[in-house]
Every structure is written in C-alpha cells, then in structure tokens.
C-alpha cells in the first residue's frame, strides 16, 4: 500500500490524515480505524507526511527520531546529517549485497 492508497482508505472510514506541527494525526467522525490500517499508517509515516505537504527536512527528522532509539548509544548521538548519510550508505550496501547474491 502506498501513501495515496492509505489516504483514500482513511477517507473511506470517514476520517482524514493531517499534519499538526510535526506530527501526523488522524481526525475522524466514525468508528476507530481498523488495526491493519493503523499499522499501514505507522509503517508509511514518512511517505504520508511528504504526500500531505510536510517539508522533506521535517520528514527526515521524524524518520531519524523513530530510528534513533534502536541504535547503539554512539550512533544515537550523531547529528541528523551524519546519521542520514550513514543510513543511506547502509541501504546502498544492503542493496549491493542483495544484487550480488541474486546474480550468483
């Protein structure tokens, strides 16, 4: 499911997604959202924030804030720009490893 599909599904449940300060919130008038839709919102939070017009810098900061608690203490203290570079490098390295494995 992508951001647009999630937004449409939320609207089918008589609710909307909105940006309030730097947070993504659900505003609804009917029953609570199904658990699978709540999980999709959490999983695609960054994508949804961008789709709703949040500046990329705020979205990146939000994603990094979600990642930080799961990192070793030394990495948690990195500034956002250095942590983002490390995350990007890790993604590229994992992709290259997957390609090498798939092409063997």
N, C-alpha and C. Protein backbone atom coordinates (compact mmCIF):
# COMPACT_ATOMS: atom_id res chain seq x y z
N UNK A 1 0.85 -1.17 0.00
CA UNK A 1 0.00 0.00 0.00
C UNK A 1 0.90 1.24 0.00
N UNK A 2 0.56 2.23 -0.80
CA UNK A 2 1.34 3.47 -0.83
C UNK A 2 0.56 4.58 -0.12
N UNK A 3 1.17 5.77 -0.03
CA UNK A 3 0.57 6.88 0.71
C UNK A 3 -0.82 7.26 0.18
N UNK A 4 -0.96 7.33 -1.13
CA UNK A 4 -2.25 7.73 -1.72
C UNK A 4 -3.32 6.69 -1.38
N UNK A 5 -2.99 5.43 -1.49
CA UNK A 5 -3.95 4.37 -1.15
C UNK A 5 -4.35 4.45 0.32
N UNK A 6 -3.37 4.72 1.19
CA UNK A 6 -3.68 4.82 2.62
C UNK A 6 -4.60 6.00 2.88
N UNK A 7 -4.30 7.15 2.28
CA UNK A 7 -5.15 8.33 2.45
C UNK A 7 -6.57 8.03 1.99
N UNK A 8 -6.71 7.36 0.85
CA UNK A 8 -8.04 7.01 0.34
C UNK A 8 -8.77 6.06 1.28
N UNK A 9 -8.05 5.07 1.82
CA UNK A 9 -8.66 4.12 2.75
C UNK A 9 -9.11 4.82 4.04
N UNK A 10 -8.29 5.76 4.52
CA UNK A 10 -8.66 6.52 5.72
C UNK A 10 -9.95 7.29 5.44
N UNK A 11 -10.04 7.91 4.28
CA UNK A 11 -11.24 8.69 3.93
C UNK A 11 -12.47 7.80 3.79
N UNK A 12 -12.28 6.55 3.35
CA UNK A 12 -13.40 5.61 3.28
C UNK A 12 -13.98 5.34 4.67
N UNK A 13 -13.18 5.55 5.70
CA UNK A 13 -13.62 5.36 7.09
C UNK A 13 -14.04 6.67 7.74
N UNK A 14 -14.41 7.66 6.88
CA UNK A 14 -14.89 8.96 7.34
C UNK A 14 -13.89 9.65 8.27
N UNK A 15 -12.62 9.61 7.86
CA UNK A 15 -11.56 10.25 8.63
C UNK A 15 -10.58 10.90 7.66
N UNK A 16 -9.70 11.71 8.21
CA UNK A 16 -8.65 12.36 7.43
C UNK A 16 -7.33 12.26 8.16
N UNK A 17 -6.26 12.29 7.39
CA UNK A 17 -4.92 12.41 7.95
C UNK A 17 -4.53 13.88 7.85
N UNK A 18 -3.89 14.38 8.87
CA UNK A 18 -3.48 15.79 8.86
C UNK A 18 -2.13 15.94 9.53
N UNK A 19 -1.44 17.00 9.18
CA UNK A 19 -0.19 17.36 9.83
C UNK A 19 -0.49 18.41 10.88
N UNK A 20 -0.11 18.15 12.10
CA UNK A 20 -0.26 19.10 13.19
C UNK A 20 1.12 19.27 13.79
N UNK A 21 1.65 20.48 13.64
CA UNK A 21 3.05 20.74 13.98
C UNK A 21 3.90 19.76 13.17
N UNK A 22 4.66 18.90 13.83
CA UNK A 22 5.47 17.91 13.11
C UNK A 22 4.91 16.51 13.27
N UNK A 23 3.62 16.42 13.60
CA UNK A 23 3.02 15.11 13.85
C UNK A 23 1.96 14.79 12.81
N UNK A 24 1.82 13.51 12.54
CA UNK A 24 0.77 13.00 11.66
C UNK A 24 -0.37 12.55 12.55
N UNK A 25 -1.57 13.11 12.35
CA UNK A 25 -2.72 12.75 13.19
C UNK A 25 -3.88 12.30 12.32
N UNK A 26 -4.72 11.47 12.91
CA UNK A 26 -5.95 11.01 12.26
C UNK A 26 -7.11 11.73 12.92
N UNK A 27 -7.93 12.34 12.09
CA UNK A 27 -9.14 13.01 12.59
C UNK A 27 -10.33 12.30 11.98
N UNK A 28 -11.19 11.76 12.82
CA UNK A 28 -12.30 11.00 12.30
C UNK A 28 -13.60 11.30 13.00
N UNK A 29 -14.67 10.84 12.35
CA UNK A 29 -16.01 11.09 12.86
C UNK A 29 -16.77 9.78 13.07
N UNK A 30 -16.16 8.69 12.75
CA UNK A 30 -16.86 7.41 12.83
C UNK A 30 -16.11 6.47 13.77
N UNK A 31 -16.20 5.19 13.47
CA UNK A 31 -15.52 4.15 14.25
C UNK A 31 -14.00 4.30 14.15
N UNK A 32 -13.26 3.79 15.13
CA UNK A 32 -11.80 3.79 15.03
C UNK A 32 -11.35 3.03 13.77
N UNK A 33 -10.21 3.40 13.26
CA UNK A 33 -9.68 2.74 12.06
C UNK A 33 -9.34 1.29 12.36
N UNK A 34 -9.45 0.41 11.36
CA UNK A 34 -9.04 -0.98 11.54
C UNK A 34 -7.55 -1.05 11.88
N UNK A 35 -7.18 -2.04 12.64
CA UNK A 35 -5.80 -2.19 13.09
C UNK A 35 -4.82 -2.26 11.93
N UNK A 36 -5.16 -2.98 10.85
CA UNK A 36 -4.26 -3.08 9.70
C UNK A 36 -4.02 -1.73 9.04
N UNK A 37 -5.02 -0.85 9.07
CA UNK A 37 -4.85 0.48 8.50
C UNK A 37 -3.98 1.34 9.42
N UNK A 38 -4.16 1.21 10.73
CA UNK A 38 -3.30 1.91 11.69
C UNK A 38 -1.84 1.49 11.50
N UNK A 39 -1.63 0.19 11.29
CA UNK A 39 -0.27 -0.32 11.08
C UNK A 39 0.32 0.24 9.78
N UNK A 40 -0.49 0.33 8.73
CA UNK A 40 -0.02 0.88 7.46
C UNK A 40 0.35 2.35 7.62
N UNK A 41 -0.42 3.08 8.39
CA UNK A 41 -0.11 4.49 8.64
C UNK A 41 1.23 4.61 9.35
N UNK A 42 1.43 3.80 10.37
CA UNK A 42 2.69 3.84 11.12
C UNK A 42 3.87 3.46 10.23
N UNK A 43 3.68 2.42 9.43
CA UNK A 43 4.76 1.93 8.56
C UNK A 43 5.14 2.95 7.49
N UNK A 44 4.17 3.70 6.98
CA UNK A 44 4.40 4.63 5.88
C UNK A 44 4.35 6.09 6.33
N UNK A 45 4.63 6.33 7.60
CA UNK A 45 4.51 7.67 8.18
C UNK A 45 5.29 8.72 7.37
N UNK A 46 6.54 8.45 7.06
CA UNK A 46 7.34 9.42 6.31
C UNK A 46 6.76 9.72 4.95
N UNK A 47 6.37 8.69 4.25
CA UNK A 47 5.76 8.85 2.92
C UNK A 47 4.46 9.65 3.00
N UNK A 48 3.66 9.37 4.03
CA UNK A 48 2.40 10.10 4.21
C UNK A 48 2.65 11.57 4.51
N UNK A 49 3.66 11.85 5.32
CA UNK A 49 3.97 13.23 5.66
C UNK A 49 4.36 14.02 4.41
N UNK A 50 5.16 13.40 3.56
CA UNK A 50 5.54 14.06 2.30
C UNK A 50 4.31 14.27 1.42
N UNK A 51 3.46 13.24 1.32
CA UNK A 51 2.26 13.34 0.47
C UNK A 51 1.32 14.44 0.97
N UNK A 52 1.33 14.69 2.26
CA UNK A 52 0.46 15.71 2.83
C UNK A 52 1.11 17.09 2.86
N UNK A 53 2.32 17.19 2.31
CA UNK A 53 2.94 18.50 2.16
C UNK A 53 3.99 18.88 3.18
N UNK A 54 4.37 17.97 4.03
CA UNK A 54 5.41 18.26 5.02
C UNK A 54 6.74 18.45 4.31
N UNK A 55 7.51 19.48 4.66
CA UNK A 55 8.83 19.65 4.05
C UNK A 55 9.70 18.41 4.29
N UNK A 56 10.49 18.07 3.32
CA UNK A 56 11.33 16.87 3.41
C UNK A 56 12.22 16.90 4.65
N UNK A 57 12.73 18.07 5.02
CA UNK A 57 13.62 18.13 6.19
C UNK A 57 12.90 17.70 7.46
N UNK A 58 11.62 18.05 7.61
CA UNK A 58 10.86 17.64 8.79
C UNK A 58 10.59 16.14 8.75
N UNK A 59 10.30 15.64 7.57
CA UNK A 59 10.03 14.21 7.42
C UNK A 59 11.28 13.40 7.75
N UNK A 60 12.42 13.85 7.25
CA UNK A 60 13.68 13.15 7.54
C UNK A 60 13.95 13.17 9.04
N UNK A 61 13.76 14.31 9.68
CA UNK A 61 13.98 14.41 11.12
C UNK A 61 13.06 13.46 11.88
N UNK A 62 11.82 13.33 11.42
CA UNK A 62 10.87 12.43 12.07
C UNK A 62 11.30 10.97 11.91
N UNK A 63 11.74 10.61 10.71
CA UNK A 63 12.20 9.24 10.46
C UNK A 63 13.42 8.93 11.32
N UNK A 64 14.37 9.84 11.36
CA UNK A 64 15.58 9.63 12.16
C UNK A 64 15.23 9.52 13.65
N UNK A 65 14.27 10.31 14.10
CA UNK A 65 13.85 10.23 15.50
C UNK A 65 13.25 8.85 15.81
N UNK A 66 12.55 8.27 14.84
CA UNK A 66 11.99 6.93 15.03
C UNK A 66 13.09 5.86 15.07
N UNK A 67 14.17 6.09 14.32
CA UNK A 67 15.26 5.12 14.23
C UNK A 67 16.19 5.18 15.44
N UNK A 68 16.47 6.37 15.93
CA UNK A 68 17.48 6.59 16.98
C UNK A 68 17.38 5.64 18.18
N UNK A 69 16.20 5.41 18.76
CA UNK A 69 16.16 4.56 19.96
C UNK A 69 16.64 3.13 19.72
N UNK A 70 16.68 2.70 18.48
CA UNK A 70 17.05 1.33 18.16
C UNK A 70 18.54 1.19 17.81
N UNK A 71 19.27 2.29 17.88
CA UNK A 71 20.68 2.30 17.52
C UNK A 71 21.57 2.21 18.76
N UNK A 72 22.82 1.77 18.58
CA UNK A 72 23.77 1.83 19.69
C UNK A 72 23.94 3.28 20.15
N UNK A 73 24.27 3.47 21.41
CA UNK A 73 24.38 4.81 22.00
C UNK A 73 25.28 5.73 21.19
N UNK A 74 26.41 5.24 20.69
CA UNK A 74 27.34 6.09 19.93
C UNK A 74 26.67 6.64 18.67
N UNK A 75 25.84 5.84 18.02
CA UNK A 75 25.16 6.30 16.80
C UNK A 75 23.99 7.22 17.14
N UNK A 76 23.36 7.03 18.28
CA UNK A 76 22.25 7.89 18.68
C UNK A 76 22.68 9.35 18.81
N UNK A 77 23.96 9.57 19.14
CA UNK A 77 24.45 10.93 19.36
C UNK A 77 24.86 11.64 18.08
N UNK A 78 24.86 10.94 16.94
CA UNK A 78 25.24 11.59 15.68
C UNK A 78 24.24 12.68 15.31
N UNK A 79 24.73 13.78 14.73
CA UNK A 79 23.79 14.79 14.22
C UNK A 79 23.01 14.22 13.04
N UNK A 80 21.85 14.81 12.76
CA UNK A 80 20.96 14.29 11.72
C UNK A 80 21.67 14.10 10.38
N UNK A 81 22.48 15.06 9.94
CA UNK A 81 23.10 14.94 8.63
C UNK A 81 24.04 13.75 8.55
N UNK A 82 24.79 13.49 9.61
CA UNK A 82 25.71 12.35 9.62
C UNK A 82 24.96 11.03 9.73
N UNK A 83 23.91 11.01 10.56
CA UNK A 83 23.11 9.79 10.68
C UNK A 83 22.41 9.48 9.37
N UNK A 84 21.89 10.49 8.69
CA UNK A 84 21.25 10.27 7.40
C UNK A 84 22.23 9.71 6.38
N UNK A 85 23.45 10.24 6.36
CA UNK A 85 24.47 9.72 5.45
C UNK A 85 24.77 8.26 5.77
N UNK A 86 24.86 7.92 7.05
CA UNK A 86 25.13 6.54 7.45
C UNK A 86 23.98 5.62 7.06
N UNK A 87 22.75 6.07 7.27
CA UNK A 87 21.58 5.27 6.89
C UNK A 87 21.58 5.04 5.37
N UNK A 88 21.82 6.10 4.62
CA UNK A 88 21.86 5.96 3.16
C UNK A 88 22.95 4.99 2.73
N UNK A 89 24.12 5.11 3.31
CA UNK A 89 25.22 4.21 2.97
C UNK A 89 24.83 2.77 3.30
N UNK A 90 24.19 2.56 4.43
CA UNK A 90 23.77 1.21 4.83
C UNK A 90 22.76 0.63 3.85
N UNK A 91 21.84 1.46 3.39
CA UNK A 91 20.84 1.00 2.40
C UNK A 91 21.53 0.61 1.10
N UNK A 92 22.45 1.43 0.64
CA UNK A 92 23.17 1.14 -0.60
C UNK A 92 23.97 -0.14 -0.45
N UNK A 93 24.67 -0.31 0.68
CA UNK A 93 25.46 -1.52 0.90
C UNK A 93 24.57 -2.76 0.92
N UNK A 94 23.41 -2.67 1.57
CA UNK A 94 22.49 -3.81 1.62
C UNK A 94 21.94 -4.13 0.23
N UNK A 95 21.64 -3.10 -0.56
CA UNK A 95 21.16 -3.30 -1.92
C UNK A 95 22.22 -3.98 -2.77
N UNK A 96 23.44 -3.49 -2.69
CA UNK A 96 24.54 -4.08 -3.47
C UNK A 96 24.76 -5.54 -3.08
N UNK A 97 24.68 -5.86 -1.79
CA UNK A 97 24.83 -7.24 -1.34
C UNK A 97 23.71 -8.10 -1.90
N UNK A 98 22.48 -7.59 -1.88
CA UNK A 98 21.34 -8.35 -2.42
C UNK A 98 21.50 -8.59 -3.92
N UNK A 99 21.99 -7.61 -4.64
CA UNK A 99 22.21 -7.78 -6.09
C UNK A 99 23.29 -8.82 -6.33
N UNK A 100 24.38 -8.76 -5.58
CA UNK A 100 25.46 -9.77 -5.74
C UNK A 100 24.93 -11.16 -5.45
N UNK A 101 24.13 -11.30 -4.41
CA UNK A 101 23.57 -12.60 -4.05
C UNK A 101 22.63 -13.11 -5.13
N UNK A 102 21.81 -12.22 -5.67
CA UNK A 102 20.83 -12.60 -6.68
C UNK A 102 21.46 -12.95 -8.02
N UNK A 103 22.63 -12.41 -8.30
CA UNK A 103 23.26 -12.63 -9.60
C UNK A 103 24.27 -13.76 -9.59
N UNK A 104 24.39 -14.47 -8.48
CA UNK A 104 25.33 -15.60 -8.40
C UNK A 104 24.78 -16.82 -9.09
